[in-house]
Amino acid sequence: MQILLDTDVILDLFLDREPFAEAAAMLWQAHEQAYLTAYVSAITPVNLFYIARKFKGWDMAHQAVSELLAALPVCPVDHAVLQAGSASDFKDFEDAVQHASAAAGGIEAIVTRNIKDYQSASLPVYTPDEFLRQFPFSNEG
C-alpha cells in the first residue's frame, strides 16, 4: 500500500512528540520493512527543516531532512498540484496541497493527525492509530 505521511506525522517522529511519536515510528518501521511504501509531499521536508530548526537547532534540522529524503520517496508539488490545491474545498491550503500532491502521485491513503482539515478529501484519510489498527503489520510469517 502507498500512503502519504502528512507533515504532522513526520514532525511527531523527528521531534519525538509524545504521545504521538510511537505510532509515527511504527509507520516508519512498516515502510522500512516494506509492509507499505510511505511518501511525503515536497512541502514536508521544508516544513520539517523550518520547525525542527526552531526547536532543535540547524544541525538536527539538517540531519532530519537528510534522513527523511534518504528514506522516503517524495510526491512532487508542481504548478498543477498547487492549482488543484487552490481550487479545492479545503480550508487549509497546506493540507490542500498535501492532498493534491498525494492524488497526483497515485497514493492510496493519507495518514495525518489532522483529520478535520481533510473533510474534502477524495482519498481515504486515517490517523496513525486508525491506520495501524486497520492495517496491522507483523514480522511473523
Protein backbone atom coordinates (compact mmCIF):
# COMPACT_ATOMS: atom_id res chain seq x y z
CA MET A 1 0.00 0.00 0.00
CA GLN A 2 1.19 3.52 -0.79
CA ILE A 3 0.46 6.18 1.81
CA LEU A 4 1.32 9.82 2.24
CA LEU A 5 2.54 10.76 5.70
CA ASP A 6 1.33 14.27 6.47
CA THR A 7 3.83 16.72 7.90
CA ASP A 8 2.43 16.36 11.42
CA VAL A 9 3.30 12.64 11.47
CA ILE A 10 6.84 13.37 10.28
CA LEU A 11 7.23 16.06 12.94
CA ASP A 12 5.98 13.62 15.59
CA LEU A 13 8.68 11.19 14.54
CA PHE A 14 11.67 13.52 14.20
CA LEU A 15 10.81 15.77 17.15
CA ASP A 16 9.77 12.80 19.32
CA ARG A 17 6.45 14.47 20.14
CA GLU A 18 4.63 12.47 22.77
CA PRO A 19 2.26 10.75 22.86
CA PHE A 20 2.33 10.55 19.04
CA ALA A 21 5.93 9.54 18.33
CA GLU A 22 5.34 5.81 18.86
CA ALA A 23 2.68 5.50 16.15
CA ALA A 24 4.81 7.58 13.77
CA ALA A 25 7.78 5.31 14.45
CA MET A 26 5.66 2.22 13.77
CA LEU A 27 4.63 3.64 10.38
CA TRP A 28 8.27 4.45 9.60
CA GLN A 29 9.28 0.90 10.55
CA ALA A 30 6.49 -0.57 8.40
CA HIS A 31 7.92 1.39 5.48
CA GLU A 32 11.48 0.25 6.23
CA GLN A 33 10.30 -3.37 6.37
CA ALA A 34 8.41 -2.96 3.05
CA TYR A 35 4.95 -3.59 4.52
CA LEU A 36 3.95 -0.32 2.87
CA THR A 37 5.53 2.50 0.90
CA ALA A 38 5.35 5.79 2.73
CA TYR A 39 5.68 9.05 0.82
CA VAL A 40 5.79 12.69 1.78
CA SER A 41 4.84 15.67 -0.33
CA ALA A 42 7.56 18.05 -1.46
CA ILE A 43 6.48 20.62 1.13
CA THR A 44 7.15 18.31 4.08
CA PRO A 45 10.97 18.48 4.09
CA VAL A 46 10.74 22.29 4.01
CA ASN A 47 8.28 22.32 6.92
CA LEU A 48 10.38 19.77 8.83
CA PHE A 49 13.52 21.87 8.50
CA TYR A 50 11.77 25.10 9.47
CA ILE A 51 10.12 23.67 12.58
CA ALA A 52 12.97 21.37 13.68
CA ARG A 53 15.46 24.25 13.43
CA LYS A 54 13.33 26.32 15.82
CA PHE A 55 13.14 23.54 18.42
CA LYS A 56 16.33 21.53 17.93
CA GLY A 57 18.76 23.75 16.01
CA TRP A 58 20.17 23.82 12.49
CA ASP A 59 22.28 20.65 12.75
CA MET A 60 19.39 18.47 13.92
CA ALA A 61 17.07 20.00 11.32
CA HIS A 62 19.56 19.34 8.53
CA GLN A 63 20.10 15.76 9.73
CA ALA A 64 16.35 15.13 9.95
CA VAL A 65 15.75 16.35 6.40
CA SER A 66 18.66 14.27 5.13
CA GLU A 67 17.27 11.14 6.84
CA LEU A 68 13.78 11.84 5.53
CA LEU A 69 14.94 12.29 1.95
CA ALA A 70 17.13 9.18 2.11
CA ALA A 71 14.26 7.04 3.39
CA LEU A 72 11.03 8.18 1.75
CA PRO A 73 10.06 8.99 -1.83
CA VAL A 74 8.61 12.44 -2.44
CA CYS A 75 5.38 13.27 -4.26
CA PRO A 76 6.11 16.35 -6.33
CA VAL A 77 4.46 19.69 -5.95
CA ASP A 78 4.23 21.48 -9.26
CA HIS A 79 2.03 24.13 -10.84
CA ALA A 80 -0.83 21.69 -11.46
CA VAL A 81 -0.74 20.41 -7.85
CA LEU A 82 -0.78 23.95 -6.49
CA GLN A 83 -3.69 24.85 -8.75
CA ALA A 84 -5.60 21.74 -7.67
CA GLY A 85 -4.98 22.60 -4.03
CA SER A 86 -6.07 26.18 -4.58
CA ALA A 87 -9.26 25.11 -6.39
CA SER A 88 -10.22 22.56 -3.73
CA ASP A 89 -12.75 22.97 -0.92
CA PHE A 90 -10.03 22.58 1.73
CA LYS A 91 -9.94 25.36 4.30
CA ASP A 92 -6.18 24.96 4.88
CA PHE A 93 -4.03 25.50 1.79
CA GLU A 94 -1.13 23.39 3.09
CA ASP A 95 -3.42 20.40 3.61
CA ALA A 96 -4.99 21.03 0.19
CA VAL A 97 -1.55 20.86 -1.40
CA GLN A 98 -0.66 17.71 0.56
CA HIS A 99 -3.87 16.07 -0.69
CA ALA A 100 -3.41 17.26 -4.29
CA SER A 101 0.19 16.03 -4.25
CA ALA A 102 -0.89 12.59 -2.98
CA ALA A 103 -3.71 12.36 -5.52
CA ALA A 104 -1.41 13.33 -8.39
CA GLY A 105 1.13 10.77 -7.21
CA GLY A 106 -1.36 7.89 -7.19
CA ILE A 107 -1.18 7.50 -3.42
CA GLU A 108 -3.85 5.27 -1.87
CA ALA A 109 -4.35 6.98 1.51
CA ILE A 110 -3.20 9.86 3.68
CA VAL A 111 -2.12 9.40 7.29
CA THR A 112 -2.43 12.51 9.45
CA ARG A 113 -3.41 13.56 12.94
CA ASN A 114 -5.25 16.47 11.37
CA ILE A 115 -8.35 14.61 10.14
CA LYS A 116 -10.70 17.60 10.49
CA ASP A 117 -8.88 19.58 7.78
CA TYR A 118 -9.23 16.68 5.32
CA GLN A 119 -13.04 16.62 5.24
CA SER A 120 -12.98 17.39 1.49
CA ALA A 121 -10.51 14.60 0.70
CA SER A 122 -11.18 12.25 -2.18
CA LEU A 123 -8.60 9.81 -0.76
CA PRO A 124 -9.09 7.75 2.40
CA VAL A 125 -7.65 9.61 5.41
CA TYR A 126 -6.59 7.93 8.65
CA THR A 127 -4.98 8.96 11.89
CA PRO A 128 -1.79 6.99 12.56
CA ASP A 129 -3.58 4.90 15.20
CA GLU A 130 -6.55 4.20 12.91
CA PHE A 131 -4.26 3.17 10.08
CA LEU A 132 -2.22 0.87 12.32
CA ARG A 133 -5.41 -0.78 13.64
CA GLN A 134 -6.89 -1.25 10.17
CA PHE A 135 -3.67 -2.45 8.54
CA PRO A 136 -1.69 -4.27 11.23
CA PHE A 137 1.90 -5.18 10.41
CA SER A 138 3.80 -8.10 11.76
CA ASN A 139 7.24 -9.65 11.43
CA GLU A 140 5.65 -13.05 11.83
CA GLY A 141 5.11 -15.14 8.69
